[in-house]
Amino acid sequence: MNTYSDPRTSRRAFLQSTALGVVAAPFLAGCHSNGSRTAKAMTRGSFSIDGNQARLFSPAVTAPLKIMVVGDTHLFLDDVRGEPFQEFSGRMSRAYNQTKHFETKAATNPQQSFERTLALAQRTQVDLFAMVGDVFSFPSEAAIEWALAKLKESGVRFCYIAGNHDWHYEGMDGPEVALRAEWTEKRLRPLYQGNPSLMAAYDVQGVRFVAIDDSTYEILPEQLAFFREQVASGRPLVLLMHIPLYAPGRPVGFGCGHPEWGAKTDKNWLVERRPKWPESGHSATTIAFREEVFRAPNLLGVFSGHTHRMSIDCVNGIPQIVTEANATGAHLNVEVLPAAASA
């Protein structure tokens, strides 16, 4: 059962912090905390991570479930329909054509990586295949159709939230919010399976997965209102986004909600041929959203992509885990388990 609300409406800094081995939330160095321990204990338990295997424990979870988090595949497949857009797709069509597998270091490519990851999800019978953006390097009809065909063929339940490249034709005129809306409707809409594109919630065995599109680095008022509704539901929540949220110690390009984000710190706008970040910095709504996410008593964790490097931060007891790029075959295997399973 899904719960929805529709308003109708290079690159990034790389990280150094990869958490390997097993880490329990109450003992994680750098785990910032400022909330009510009693309120959190009602829903949130510990978490652990070992390589690309993550586990979230909660006393509110009654049955185990498995999800696979995939981001930044950067599929670049195109055909004659894309020829009129080559002025805008040229750089990204060459960006990730050949990659090295994240474990074996053998040569691979985005299509092969996506197929193998999806086959693994099918084989391990995941409950949800969660795509957290930049599945595509630009909104290519051929790539979108290819991915949809593979997803449908697999029979795996999936959800999708857009990344900043999925809808972006570099150098195309117009504000980002309008371009996102335009290319969502023209190209990406089938990936949402009839669900809203900016925000949606997916119930999987008692856990609610909340997908919020922050691919412009900003949060809209209706998205904040939607998130508040999910928190008020009292259900155990997992948040899915493309761009991770700012965590103390992370650079401006890492996440949404950094206090120094704005025109003065935007280093990539010319390369990516997009409007410069605003002089005024983040909207008050975006700042409020980040603060409320890390105060939500029933939020078990946040999963995102965008940086192409795996990392983990813990803010107020809530883990935020970023997956390495699926262009290299990388993914996160996530289990959500009853708290008793952590004993």
C-alpha atoms as a PDB file:
ATOM      1  CA  MET A   1       0.000   0.000   0.000  1.00  0.00           C
ATOM      2  CA  ASN A   2       1.315   3.433  -0.953  1.00  0.00           C
ATOM      3  CA  THR A   3       0.535   6.795   0.630  1.00  0.00           C
ATOM      4  CA  TYR A   4       0.931   9.816  -1.631  1.00  0.00           C
ATOM      5  CA  SER A   5       0.555  13.564  -1.785  1.00  0.00           C
ATOM      6  CA  ASP A   6       0.869  15.416  -5.095  1.00  0.00           C
ATOM      7  CA  PRO A   7       1.177  19.210  -5.272  1.00  0.00           C
ATOM      8  CA  ARG A   8       1.170  18.958  -9.096  1.00  0.00           C
ATOM      9  CA  THR A   9       3.344  21.295  -9.356  1.00  0.00           C
ATOM     10  CA  SER A  10      33.351  18.142 -12.028  1.00  0.00           C
ATOM     11  CA  ARG A  11      30.933  17.835 -10.035  1.00  0.00           C
ATOM     12  CA  ARG A  12      30.651  17.374  -6.437  1.00  0.00           C
ATOM     13  CA  ALA A  13      33.092  17.298  -3.562  1.00  0.00           C
ATOM     14  CA  PHE A  14      34.334  13.795  -2.878  1.00  0.00           C
ATOM     15  CA  LEU A  15      34.335  12.278   0.528  1.00  0.00           C
ATOM     16  CA  GLN A  16      36.998  10.550   2.528  1.00  0.00           C
ATOM     17  CA  SER A  17      34.914   8.963   5.258  1.00  0.00           C
ATOM     18  CA  THR A  18      33.844   5.371   4.538  1.00  0.00           C
ATOM     19  CA  ALA A  19      32.624   3.458   7.535  1.00  0.00           C
ATOM     20  CA  LEU A  20      33.762  -0.154   7.334  1.00  0.00           C
ATOM     21  CA  GLY A  21      33.258  -2.725  10.028  1.00  0.00           C
ATOM     22  CA  VAL A  22      30.307  -2.698  12.414  1.00  0.00           C
ATOM     23  CA  VAL A  23      29.244   0.524  14.122  1.00  0.00           C
ATOM     24  CA  ALA A  24      26.449   0.810  16.694  1.00  0.00           C
ATOM     25  CA  ALA A  25      24.652   4.154  16.772  1.00  0.00           C
ATOM     26  CA  PRO A  26      25.025   4.947  20.493  1.00  0.00           C
ATOM     27  CA  PHE A  27      28.821   4.525  20.325  1.00  0.00           C
ATOM     28  CA  LEU A  28      29.623   6.137  16.964  1.00  0.00           C
ATOM     29  CA  ALA A  29      32.227   8.874  17.198  1.00  0.00           C
ATOM     30  CA  GLY A  30      30.818  12.120  15.834  1.00  0.00           C
ATOM     31  CA  CYS A  31      27.225  11.099  16.454  1.00  0.00           C
ATOM     32  CA  HIS A  32      25.602  14.445  17.288  1.00  0.00           C
ATOM     33  CA  SER A  33      22.658  14.307  19.706  1.00  0.00           C
ATOM     34  CA  ASN A  34      20.235  16.863  21.105  1.00  0.00           C
ATOM     35  CA  GLY A  35      16.817  15.223  21.402  1.00  0.00           C
ATOM     36  CA  SER A  36      14.652  13.273  23.818  1.00  0.00           C
ATOM     37  CA  ARG A  37      16.096   9.812  24.392  1.00  0.00           C
ATOM     38  CA  THR A  38      12.741   8.510  25.628  1.00  0.00           C
ATOM     39  CA  ALA A  39      10.869   9.603  22.495  1.00  0.00           C
ATOM     40  CA  LYS A  40      13.487   8.100  20.193  1.00  0.00           C
ATOM     41  CA  ALA A  41      13.542   4.804  22.074  1.00  0.00           C
ATOM     42  CA  MET A  42       9.915   4.206  21.126  1.00  0.00           C
ATOM     43  CA  THR A  43      10.839   3.668  17.451  1.00  0.00           C
ATOM     44  CA  ARG A  44      14.559   3.865  16.855  1.00  0.00           C
ATOM     45  CA  GLY A  45      17.112   1.246  17.849  1.00  0.00           C
ATOM     46  CA  SER A  46      20.723   0.796  16.822  1.00  0.00           C
ATOM     47  CA  PHE A  47      22.241   0.464  13.371  1.00  0.00           C
ATOM     48  CA  SER A  48      25.271  -1.288  11.961  1.00  0.00           C
ATOM     49  CA  ILE A  49      27.224  -1.236   8.720  1.00  0.00           C
ATOM     50  CA  ASP A  50      29.771  -3.643   7.315  1.00  0.00           C
ATOM     51  CA  GLY A  51      31.049  -2.696   3.875  1.00  0.00           C
ATOM     52  CA  ASN A  52      27.946  -2.173   1.753  1.00  0.00           C
ATOM     53  CA  GLN A  53      25.733  -4.150   4.151  1.00  0.00           C
ATOM     54  CA  ALA A  54      23.641  -1.984   6.493  1.00  0.00           C
ATOM     55  CA  ARG A  55      21.165  -2.949   9.210  1.00  0.00           C
ATOM     56  CA  LEU A  56      18.625  -0.794  10.996  1.00  0.00           C
ATOM     57  CA  PHE A  57      17.052  -2.115  14.195  1.00  0.00           C
ATOM     58  CA  SER A  58      13.773  -0.880  15.627  1.00  0.00           C
ATOM     59  CA  PRO A  59      11.390  -2.041  18.375  1.00  0.00           C
ATOM     60  CA  ALA A  60       8.575  -0.821  16.105  1.00  0.00           C
ATOM     61  CA  VAL A  61       9.509  -3.290  13.337  1.00  0.00           C
ATOM     62  CA  THR A  62       7.735  -6.643  13.612  1.00  0.00           C
ATOM     63  CA  ALA A  63       9.063  -8.448  10.527  1.00  0.00           C
ATOM     64  CA  PRO A  64      12.427  -8.226   8.755  1.00  0.00           C
ATOM     65  CA  LEU A  65      12.643  -6.686   5.321  1.00  0.00           C
ATOM     66  CA  LYS A  66      15.365  -6.185   2.742  1.00  0.00           C
ATOM     67  CA  ILE A  67      15.905  -3.268   0.413  1.00  0.00           C
ATOM     68  CA  MET A  68      18.604  -2.466  -2.099  1.00  0.00           C
ATOM     69  CA  VAL A  69      19.615   1.186  -2.501  1.00  0.00           C
ATOM     70  CA  VAL A  70      21.006   2.154  -5.908  1.00  0.00           C
ATOM     71  CA  GLY A  71      22.112   5.574  -7.097  1.00  0.00           C
ATOM     72  CA  ASP A  72      24.258   7.234  -9.754  1.00  0.00           C
ATOM     73  CA  THR A  73      24.170   4.576 -12.453  1.00  0.00           C
ATOM     74  CA  HIS A  74      24.491   7.315 -15.101  1.00  0.00           C
ATOM     75  CA  LEU A  75      23.033   5.380 -18.000  1.00  0.00           C
ATOM     76  CA  PHE A  76      23.914   7.208 -21.225  1.00  0.00           C
ATOM     77  CA  LEU A  77      22.268   5.036 -23.895  1.00  0.00           C
ATOM     78  CA  ASP A  78      20.763   7.221 -26.649  1.00  0.00           C
ATOM     79  CA  ASP A  79      19.398   6.930 -30.179  1.00  0.00           C
ATOM     80  CA  VAL A  80      18.262   9.132 -33.066  1.00  0.00           C
ATOM     81  CA  ARG A  81      15.592  10.719 -30.858  1.00  0.00           C
ATOM     82  CA  GLY A  82      18.380  12.274 -28.835  1.00  0.00           C
ATOM     83  CA  GLU A  83      20.186  13.862 -31.766  1.00  0.00           C
ATOM     84  CA  PRO A  84      18.384  17.236 -31.453  1.00  0.00           C
ATOM     85  CA  PHE A  85      19.581  17.441 -27.831  1.00  0.00           C
ATOM     86  CA  GLN A  86      23.258  16.615 -28.320  1.00  0.00           C
ATOM     87  CA  GLU A  87      24.199  20.238 -27.650  1.00  0.00           C
ATOM     88  CA  PHE A  88      22.891  19.673 -24.121  1.00  0.00           C
ATOM     89  CA  SER A  89      23.820  16.023 -23.549  1.00  0.00           C
ATOM     90  CA  GLY A  90      27.330  15.945 -25.010  1.00  0.00           C
ATOM     91  CA  ARG A  91      29.429  16.217 -21.845  1.00  0.00           C
ATOM     92  CA  MET A  92      27.423  13.763 -19.764  1.00  0.00           C
ATOM     93  CA  SER A  93      27.082  11.283 -22.646  1.00  0.00           C
ATOM     94  CA  ARG A  94      30.835  10.718 -22.326  1.00  0.00           C
ATOM     95  CA  ALA A  95      31.218  11.025 -18.561  1.00  0.00           C
ATOM     96  CA  TYR A  96      30.843   7.441 -17.310  1.00  0.00           C
ATOM     97  CA  ASN A  97      31.038   5.219 -20.395  1.00  0.00           C
ATOM     98  CA  GLN A  98      33.718   2.957 -18.928  1.00  0.00           C
ATOM     99  CA  THR A  99      34.125   2.307 -15.218  1.00  0.00           C
ATOM    100  CA  LYS A 100      35.841  -0.116 -12.849  1.00  0.00           C
ATOM    101  CA  HIS A 101      33.871  -2.442 -10.621  1.00  0.00           C
ATOM    102  CA  PHE A 102      33.773  -1.161  -7.045  1.00  0.00           C
ATOM    103  CA  GLU A 103      35.020  -4.487  -5.638  1.00  0.00           C
ATOM    104  CA  THR A 104      36.928  -6.379  -8.321  1.00  0.00           C
ATOM    105  CA  LYS A 105      38.235  -3.307 -10.216  1.00  0.00           C
ATOM    106  CA  ALA A 106      37.460  -5.140 -13.456  1.00  0.00           C
ATOM    107  CA  ALA A 107      36.309  -3.051 -16.412  1.00  0.00           C
ATOM    108  CA  THR A 108      32.552  -2.497 -16.549  1.00  0.00           C
ATOM    109  CA  ASN A 109      30.018   0.106 -17.682  1.00  0.00           C
ATOM    110  CA  PRO A 110      26.723   1.582 -16.433  1.00  0.00           C
ATOM    111  CA  GLN A 111      24.402  -0.745 -18.374  1.00  0.00           C
ATOM    112  CA  GLN A 112      26.223  -3.868 -17.275  1.00  0.00           C
ATOM    113  CA  SER A 113      26.339  -2.608 -13.695  1.00  0.00           C
ATOM    114  CA  PHE A 114      22.604  -1.881 -13.615  1.00  0.00           C
ATOM    115  CA  GLU A 115      21.705  -5.281 -15.079  1.00  0.00           C
ATOM    116  CA  ARG A 116      23.910  -7.169 -12.628  1.00  0.00           C
ATOM    117  CA  THR A 117      22.639  -5.196  -9.636  1.00  0.00           C
ATOM    118  CA  LEU A 118      19.034  -5.740 -10.626  1.00  0.00           C
ATOM    119  CA  ALA A 119      19.687  -9.460 -11.127  1.00  0.00           C
ATOM    120  CA  LEU A 120      21.159  -9.602  -7.619  1.00  0.00           C
ATOM    121  CA  ALA A 121      18.085  -7.852  -6.225  1.00  0.00           C
ATOM    122  CA  GLN A 122      15.888 -10.422  -7.960  1.00  0.00           C
ATOM    123  CA  ARG A 123      17.994 -13.344  -6.767  1.00  0.00           C
ATOM    124  CA  THR A 124      18.047 -12.184  -3.143  1.00  0.00           C
ATOM    125  CA  GLN A 125      14.323 -11.338  -3.240  1.00  0.00           C
ATOM    126  CA  VAL A 126      14.559  -7.794  -1.947  1.00  0.00           C
ATOM    127  CA  ASP A 127      11.320  -6.192  -0.796  1.00  0.00           C
ATOM    128  CA  LEU A 128      12.154  -2.875  -2.471  1.00  0.00           C
ATOM    129  CA  PHE A 129      14.674  -1.762  -5.098  1.00  0.00           C
ATOM    130  CA  ALA A 130      15.149   1.902  -4.187  1.00  0.00           C
ATOM    131  CA  MET A 131      16.676   4.112  -6.883  1.00  0.00           C
ATOM    132  CA  VAL A 132      17.907   7.352  -5.348  1.00  0.00           C
ATOM    133  CA  GLY A 133      18.648   9.406  -8.440  1.00  0.00           C
ATOM    134  CA  ASP A 134      21.064   9.984 -11.311  1.00  0.00           C
ATOM    135  CA  VAL A 135      20.081   6.663 -12.795  1.00  0.00           C
ATOM    136  CA  PHE A 136      20.526   8.582 -16.063  1.00  0.00           C
ATOM    137  CA  SER A 137      23.162  11.079 -17.160  1.00  0.00           C
ATOM    138  CA  PHE A 138      20.485  13.102 -18.977  1.00  0.00           C
ATOM    139  CA  PRO A 139      16.803  12.431 -19.800  1.00  0.00           C
ATOM    140  CA  SER A 140      17.418  10.088 -22.739  1.00  0.00           C
ATOM    141  CA  GLU A 141      14.303   8.343 -24.025  1.00  0.00           C
ATOM    142  CA  ALA A 142      16.333   5.301 -25.057  1.00  0.00           C
ATOM    143  CA  ALA A 143      17.981   4.927 -21.640  1.00  0.00           C
ATOM    144  CA  ILE A 144      14.729   5.396 -19.740  1.00  0.00           C
ATOM    145  CA  GLU A 145      12.908   2.845 -21.904  1.00  0.00           C
ATOM    146  CA  TRP A 146      15.780   0.370 -21.510  1.00  0.00           C
ATOM    147  CA  ALA A 147      15.821   0.704 -17.715  1.00  0.00           C
ATOM    148  CA  LEU A 148      12.038   0.409 -17.461  1.00  0.00           C
ATOM    149  CA  ALA A 149      12.052  -2.743 -19.555  1.00  0.00           C
ATOM    150  CA  LYS A 150      14.712  -4.304 -17.317  1.00  0.00           C
ATOM    151  CA  LEU A 151      12.820  -3.325 -14.160  1.00  0.00           C
ATOM    152  CA  LYS A 152       9.525  -4.757 -15.404  1.00  0.00           C
ATOM    153  CA  GLU A 153      11.216  -7.933 -16.624  1.00  0.00           C
ATOM    154  CA  SER A 154      12.776  -8.492 -13.197  1.00  0.00           C
ATOM    155  CA  GLY A 155       9.460  -8.377 -11.339  1.00  0.00           C
ATOM    156  CA  VAL A 156      11.211  -6.604  -8.443  1.00  0.00           C
ATOM    157  CA  ARG A 157       9.214  -3.936  -6.628  1.00  0.00           C
ATOM    158  CA  PHE A 158      10.935  -0.588  -7.164  1.00  0.00           C
ATOM    159  CA  CYS A 159      10.677   3.082  -6.373  1.00  0.00           C
ATOM    160  CA  TYR A 160      12.472   6.040  -7.913  1.00  0.00           C
ATOM    161  CA  ILE A 161      13.388   9.582  -6.968  1.00  0.00           C
ATOM    162  CA  ALA A 162      15.156  11.917  -9.403  1.00  0.00           C
ATOM    163  CA  GLY A 163      18.723  13.143  -9.219  1.00  0.00           C
ATOM    164  CA  ASN A 164      20.054  16.396 -10.592  1.00  0.00           C
ATOM    165  CA  HIS A 165      21.240  14.773 -13.838  1.00  0.00           C
ATOM    166  CA  ASP A 166      18.128  12.696 -14.565  1.00  0.00           C
ATOM    167  CA  TRP A 167      16.156  15.716 -15.815  1.00  0.00           C
ATOM    168  CA  HIS A 168      19.022  18.097 -16.669  1.00  0.00           C
ATOM    169  CA  TYR A 169      20.036  18.937 -20.220  1.00  0.00           C
ATOM    170  CA  GLU A 170      23.139  21.022 -19.618  1.00  0.00           C
ATOM    171  CA  GLY A 171      22.911  24.547 -20.984  1.00  0.00           C
ATOM    172  CA  MET A 172      19.176  24.481 -21.631  1.00  0.00           C
ATOM    173  CA  ASP A 173      17.537  27.784 -20.731  1.00  0.00           C
ATOM    174  CA  GLY A 174      15.119  28.048 -17.855  1.00  0.00           C
ATOM    175  CA  PRO A 175      14.899  27.840 -14.062  1.00  0.00           C
ATOM    176  CA  GLU A 176      15.741  24.447 -12.619  1.00  0.00           C
ATOM    177  CA  VAL A 177      12.354  23.897 -10.985  1.00  0.00           C
ATOM    178  CA  ALA A 178      10.613  24.455 -14.334  1.00  0.00           C
ATOM    179  CA  LEU A 179      13.075  22.251 -16.245  1.00  0.00           C
ATOM    180  CA  ARG A 180      12.679  19.466 -13.695  1.00  0.00           C
ATOM    181  CA  ALA A 181       8.894  19.619 -14.096  1.00  0.00           C
ATOM    182  CA  GLU A 182       9.133  19.686 -17.893  1.00  0.00           C
ATOM    183  CA  TRP A 183      11.449  16.710 -18.328  1.00  0.00           C
ATOM    184  CA  THR A 184       9.755  14.725 -15.598  1.00  0.00           C
ATOM    185  CA  GLU A 185       6.526  14.906 -17.561  1.00  0.00           C
ATOM    186  CA  LYS A 186       8.131  14.377 -20.970  1.00  0.00           C
ATOM    187  CA  ARG A 187      10.516  11.554 -20.079  1.00  0.00           C
ATOM    188  CA  LEU A 188      10.722  10.389 -16.470  1.00  0.00           C
ATOM    189  CA  ARG A 189       7.046  10.045 -15.593  1.00  0.00           C
ATOM    190  CA  PRO A 190       6.796   6.241 -16.265  1.00  0.00           C
ATOM    191  CA  LEU A 191       9.435   5.556 -13.595  1.00  0.00           C
ATOM    192  CA  TYR A 192       7.064   6.857 -10.914  1.00  0.00           C
ATOM    193  CA  GLN A 193       4.456   4.188 -11.783  1.00  0.00           C
ATOM    194  CA  GLY A 194       1.589   6.636 -11.374  1.00  0.00           C
ATOM    195  CA  ASN A 195       2.982   8.131  -8.162  1.00  0.00           C
ATOM    196  CA  PRO A 196       3.917  11.775  -7.556  1.00  0.00           C
ATOM    197  CA  SER A 197       7.420  12.793  -8.549  1.00  0.00           C
ATOM    198  CA  LEU A 198       8.353  15.269  -5.821  1.00  0.00           C
ATOM    199  CA  MET A 199       7.318  13.238  -2.802  1.00  0.00           C
ATOM    200  CA  ALA A 200       5.769   9.883  -2.103  1.00  0.00           C
ATOM    201  CA  ALA A 201       5.606   7.241   0.614  1.00  0.00           C
ATOM    202  CA  TYR A 202       5.791   3.477   0.170  1.00  0.00           C
ATOM    203  CA  ASP A 203       4.656   1.096   2.901  1.00  0.00           C
ATOM    204  CA  VAL A 204       6.676  -2.117   3.013  1.00  0.00           C
ATOM    205  CA  GLN A 205       5.904  -4.581   5.805  1.00  0.00           C
ATOM    206  CA  GLY A 206       5.098  -1.917   8.349  1.00  0.00           C
ATOM    207  CA  VAL A 207       7.973   0.439   7.452  1.00  0.00           C
ATOM    208  CA  ARG A 208       7.256   3.600   5.470  1.00  0.00           C
ATOM    209  CA  PHE A 209       9.855   4.634   2.885  1.00  0.00           C
ATOM    210  CA  VAL A 210       9.567   8.354   2.217  1.00  0.00           C
ATOM    211  CA  ALA A 211      11.010   9.628  -1.082  1.00  0.00           C
ATOM    212  CA  ILE A 212      11.714  13.366  -1.325  1.00  0.00           C
ATOM    213  CA  ASP A 213      13.139  15.007  -4.466  1.00  0.00           C
ATOM    214  CA  ASP A 214      15.895  17.467  -3.476  1.00  0.00           C
ATOM    215  CA  SER A 215      17.604  17.387  -6.880  1.00  0.00           C
ATOM    216  CA  THR A 216      17.678  21.200  -7.086  1.00  0.00           C
ATOM    217  CA  TYR A 217      19.380  21.317  -3.649  1.00  0.00           C
ATOM    218  CA  GLU A 218      16.192  22.859  -2.275  1.00  0.00           C
ATOM    219  CA  ILE A 219      13.023  21.679  -0.516  1.00  0.00           C
ATOM    220  CA  LEU A 220       9.600  23.082  -1.397  1.00  0.00           C
ATOM    221  CA  PRO A 221       7.027  24.025   1.281  1.00  0.00           C
ATOM    222  CA  GLU A 222       4.698  21.225   0.174  1.00  0.00           C
ATOM    223  CA  GLN A 223       7.521  18.704   0.580  1.00  0.00           C
ATOM    224  CA  LEU A 224       8.177  19.892   4.129  1.00  0.00           C
ATOM    225  CA  ALA A 225       4.465  19.640   4.901  1.00  0.00           C
ATOM    226  CA  PHE A 226       4.414  16.115   3.455  1.00  0.00           C
ATOM    227  CA  PHE A 227       7.385  15.046   5.567  1.00  0.00           C
ATOM    228  CA  ARG A 228       5.686  16.415   8.671  1.00  0.00           C
ATOM    229  CA  GLU A 229       2.628  14.295   7.853  1.00  0.00           C
ATOM    230  CA  GLN A 230       4.795  11.175   7.665  1.00  0.00           C
ATOM    231  CA  VAL A 231       6.444  11.922  11.013  1.00  0.00           C
ATOM    232  CA  ALA A 232       3.021  12.544  12.567  1.00  0.00           C
ATOM    233  CA  SER A 233       1.875   9.099  11.365  1.00  0.00           C
ATOM    234  CA  GLY A 234       4.097   7.518  14.035  1.00  0.00           C
ATOM    235  CA  ARG A 235       5.178   4.774  11.640  1.00  0.00           C
ATOM    236  CA  PRO A 236       8.858   3.787  11.467  1.00  0.00           C
ATOM    237  CA  LEU A 237      10.282   5.815   8.570  1.00  0.00           C
ATOM    238  CA  VAL A 238      13.221   5.558   6.181  1.00  0.00           C
ATOM    239  CA  LEU A 239      14.031   8.661   4.102  1.00  0.00           C
ATOM    240  CA  LEU A 240      15.226   8.352   0.489  1.00  0.00           C
ATOM    241  CA  MET A 241      16.795  11.361  -1.273  1.00  0.00           C
ATOM    242  CA  HIS A 242      19.340  11.974  -4.007  1.00  0.00           C
ATOM    243  CA  ILE A 243      21.438  14.677  -2.381  1.00  0.00           C
ATOM    244  CA  PRO A 244      22.381  13.838   1.217  1.00  0.00           C
ATOM    245  CA  LEU A 245      21.654  16.321   3.971  1.00  0.00           C
ATOM    246  CA  TYR A 246      24.418  18.477   5.376  1.00  0.00           C
ATOM    247  CA  ALA A 247      26.206  16.915   8.339  1.00  0.00           C
ATOM    248  CA  PRO A 248      28.774  18.721  10.516  1.00  0.00           C
ATOM    249  CA  GLY A 249      32.243  18.588   8.986  1.00  0.00           C
ATOM    250  CA  ARG A 250      31.038  17.975   5.439  1.00  0.00           C
ATOM    251  CA  PRO A 251      31.867  20.414   2.605  1.00  0.00           C
ATOM    252  CA  VAL A 252      29.316  22.622   0.852  1.00  0.00           C
ATOM    253  CA  GLY A 253      29.011  20.365  -2.194  1.00  0.00           C
ATOM    254  CA  PHE A 254      28.252  17.287  -0.089  1.00  0.00           C
ATOM    255  CA  GLY A 255      24.730  17.939   1.043  1.00  0.00           C
ATOM    256  CA  CYS A 256      21.522  19.875   1.047  1.00  0.00           C
ATOM    257  CA  GLY A 257      21.173  22.395   3.891  1.00  0.00           C
ATOM    258  CA  HIS A 258      24.773  23.558   4.340  1.00  0.00           C
ATOM    259  CA  PRO A 259      24.759  27.013   5.988  1.00  0.00           C
ATOM    260  CA  GLU A 260      27.334  28.338   3.481  1.00  0.00           C
ATOM    261  CA  TRP A 261      25.559  27.060   0.351  1.00  0.00           C
ATOM    262  CA  GLY A 262      25.030  29.792  -2.237  1.00  0.00           C
ATOM    263  CA  ALA A 263      26.514  31.717  -5.145  1.00  0.00           C
ATOM    264  CA  LYS A 264      29.852  32.355  -3.426  1.00  0.00           C
ATOM    265  CA  THR A 265      30.512  28.635  -2.927  1.00  0.00           C
ATOM    266  CA  ASP A 266      29.133  27.301  -6.232  1.00  0.00           C
ATOM    267  CA  LYS A 267      32.181  25.952  -8.089  1.00  0.00           C
ATOM    268  CA  ASN A 268      30.504  23.847 -10.777  1.00  0.00           C
ATOM    269  CA  TRP A 269      27.793  25.978 -12.339  1.00  0.00           C
ATOM    270  CA  LEU A 270      29.833  26.776 -15.458  1.00  0.00           C
ATOM    271  CA  VAL A 271      30.912  23.160 -15.998  1.00  0.00           C
ATOM    272  CA  GLU A 272      27.372  21.864 -15.492  1.00  0.00           C
ATOM    273  CA  ARG A 273      25.895  24.776 -17.513  1.00  0.00           C
ATOM    274  CA  ARG A 274      23.136  25.535 -15.053  1.00  0.00           C
ATOM    275  CA  PRO A 275      21.970  28.587 -13.089  1.00  0.00           C
ATOM    276  CA  LYS A 276      24.252  29.599 -10.264  1.00  0.00           C
ATOM    277  CA  TRP A 277      23.099  28.870  -6.737  1.00  0.00           C
ATOM    278  CA  PRO A 278      21.278  31.924  -5.333  1.00  0.00           C
ATOM    279  CA  GLU A 279      23.099  34.761  -3.579  1.00  0.00           C
ATOM    280  CA  SER A 280      20.672  34.432  -0.665  1.00  0.00           C
ATOM    281  CA  GLY A 281      21.631  30.804   0.014  1.00  0.00           C
ATOM    282  CA  HIS A 282      19.159  28.142   1.041  1.00  0.00           C
ATOM    283  CA  SER A 283      15.501  28.869   1.556  1.00  0.00           C
ATOM    284  CA  ALA A 284      14.166  28.870   5.118  1.00  0.00           C
ATOM    285  CA  THR A 285      12.097  25.831   4.135  1.00  0.00           C
ATOM    286  CA  THR A 286      15.205  23.852   3.184  1.00  0.00           C
ATOM    287  CA  ILE A 287      16.947  24.699   6.446  1.00  0.00           C
ATOM    288  CA  ALA A 288      13.825  23.795   8.432  1.00  0.00           C
ATOM    289  CA  PHE A 289      13.488  20.492   6.566  1.00  0.00           C
ATOM    290  CA  ARG A 290      17.036  19.429   7.430  1.00  0.00           C
ATOM    291  CA  GLU A 291      16.526  20.334  11.077  1.00  0.00           C
ATOM    292  CA  GLU A 292      13.227  18.449  11.296  1.00  0.00           C
ATOM    293  CA  VAL A 293      14.628  15.351   9.587  1.00  0.00           C
ATOM    294  CA  PHE A 294      17.286  14.966  12.237  1.00  0.00           C
ATOM    295  CA  ARG A 295      14.750  15.559  15.012  1.00  0.00           C
ATOM    296  CA  ALA A 296      12.167  13.048  13.752  1.00  0.00           C
ATOM    297  CA  PRO A 297      11.696  10.476  16.564  1.00  0.00           C
ATOM    298  CA  ASN A 298      10.460   7.732  14.223  1.00  0.00           C
ATOM    299  CA  LEU A 299      13.087   8.134  11.475  1.00  0.00           C
ATOM    300  CA  LEU A 300      15.349   5.059  11.324  1.00  0.00           C
ATOM    301  CA  GLY A 301      17.767   6.354   8.709  1.00  0.00           C
ATOM    302  CA  VAL A 302      18.459   8.385   5.567  1.00  0.00           C
ATOM    303  CA  PHE A 303      19.797   6.885   2.319  1.00  0.00           C
ATOM    304  CA  SER A 304      21.088   8.926  -0.618  1.00  0.00           C
ATOM    305  CA  GLY A 305      23.608   9.103  -3.462  1.00  0.00           C
ATOM    306  CA  HIS A 306      25.059  12.047  -5.428  1.00  0.00           C
ATOM    307  CA  THR A 307      28.642  12.045  -4.108  1.00  0.00           C
ATOM    308  CA  HIS A 308      29.713   8.777  -5.798  1.00  0.00           C
ATOM    309  CA  ARG A 309      31.502   7.778  -2.592  1.00  0.00           C
ATOM    310  CA  MET A 310      30.174   5.733   0.285  1.00  0.00           C
ATOM    311  CA  SER A 311      29.975   7.566   3.601  1.00  0.00           C
ATOM    312  CA  ILE A 312      28.128   7.507   6.886  1.00  0.00           C
ATOM    313  CA  ASP A 313      27.216  10.305   9.263  1.00  0.00           C
ATOM    314  CA  CYS A 314      25.175  10.154  12.433  1.00  0.00           C
ATOM    315  CA  VAL A 315      23.217  13.239  13.481  1.00  0.00           C
ATOM    316  CA  ASN A 316      21.153  13.102  16.662  1.00  0.00           C
ATOM    317  CA  GLY A 317      21.268   9.312  16.583  1.00  0.00           C
ATOM    318  CA  ILE A 318      20.011   9.095  12.979  1.00  0.00           C
ATOM    319  CA  PRO A 319      22.372   7.454  10.458  1.00  0.00           C
ATOM    320  CA  GLN A 320      22.718   8.936   6.990  1.00  0.00           C
ATOM    321  CA  ILE A 321      24.348   6.501   4.576  1.00  0.00           C
ATOM    322  CA  VAL A 322      25.445   7.463   1.067  1.00  0.00           C
ATOM    323  CA  THR A 323      25.869   4.732  -1.525  1.00  0.00           C
ATOM    324  CA  GLU A 324      28.794   4.532  -3.905  1.00  0.00           C
ATOM    325  CA  ALA A 325      27.979   4.994  -7.611  1.00  0.00           C
ATOM    326  CA  ASN A 326      26.106   2.153  -9.274  1.00  0.00           C
ATOM    327  CA  ALA A 327      28.014   3.038 -12.463  1.00  0.00           C
ATOM    328  CA  THR A 328      30.720   0.887 -10.832  1.00  0.00           C
ATOM    329  CA  GLY A 329      28.263  -1.817  -9.770  1.00  0.00           C
ATOM    330  CA  ALA A 330      28.031  -0.477  -6.221  1.00  0.00           C
ATOM    331  CA  HIS A 331      24.843  -0.619  -4.149  1.00  0.00           C
ATOM    332  CA  LEU A 332      23.707  -0.829  -0.544  1.00  0.00           C
ATOM    333  CA  ASN A 333      22.108  -3.969   0.873  1.00  0.00           C
ATOM    334  CA  VAL A 334      19.899  -2.809   3.723  1.00  0.00           C
ATOM    335  CA  GLU A 335      18.017  -4.897   6.261  1.00  0.00           C
ATOM    336  CA  VAL A 336      15.408  -3.391   8.582  1.00  0.00           C
ATOM    337  CA  LEU A 337      15.007  -5.693  11.556  1.00  0.00           C
ATOM    338  CA  PRO A 338      13.130  -5.999  14.855  1.00  0.00           C
ATOM    339  CA  ALA A 339      15.240  -4.611  17.693  1.00  0.00           C
ATOM    340  CA  ALA A 340      15.440  -8.026  19.347  1.00  0.00           C
ATOM    341  CA  ALA A 341      17.512  -9.235  16.398  1.00  0.00           C
ATOM    342  CA  SER A 342      20.369  -6.949  17.482  1.00  0.00           C
ATOM    343  CA  ALA A 343      20.800  -8.708  20.830  1.00  0.00           C
END
